Amino acid sequence: MKKYIAIPGTNRAGSTNRRLLQFIQHHFADQAAIEIMEIGGLPVFYKTPDRSLPAGVEQMVAKLAAADGVIISTPEYDHGVPAVLMNALSWLSYGVHPLADKPVMITGASYGMLGTSRAQMMLRQMLDSPELSARIMPSSEYMVGHSLQAFDEDGNLKEEELVDRLDGLFNDFETFVDVNKNLVYNREHAMNDIRKLDLKNMATQGE
């Protein structure tokens, strides 16, 4: 059974993005072990002189490195991802690279009609940056609009169409994870590029 880390891109207690990941966790419990990892407690990112990491970040790095894949569910604020998610990604690209060549599936839930389409586009661009170098599943946008009305009292998605689409995407993600394991050259190439970037960043510590 594969192991996935699910990240709610928010620090809001009642977020429907966390609710979506909880549904995914339970709905696919027979297929994968999914752990929800919170990012709200991390300190604001800053460049430590010795490139050391807070304990909370080190714990995240260890869990992400051991996972077969990652699922991120992002809200959308001002056409972009929340600051708390940007903060976490900044830490996860500072001298450590647990997302490098890691399969990632992106989802999102919002109160409005569009369901985080613009935030997901921004998140894809961030994850594709040289310092993160995640392997994002293509053609896989999953968006839940009007998310306050999307779940029943037990936390299940009400619309059968949304569940069917999620089933298909998750099965595709499982295949995507399997295929990614065989891309050895790409993984080594990506890590070599990242190491070179790290050396340059260490030589130029200024902003």
Foldseek 3Di string as FASTA:
>chain_A
DFEEEEEELDPDPPDLLVLVVVQVCVVCVVPYHYHYDYQVPADQDDQDLVLDGPPSLVVVLVVLLPGLAYEYEAEDDPLAGDPSNVRSVVNCLRVHASQALGEYEYEYEYLADPFSPSHVVRVVVSCCDLSHNHDYDPPHYQGHYNSVPQADPVSHGDDPVSVVSVVVSVVVSVVVSVVSVPPVVSRVVSVVSSVVVNVVCSVPVDD
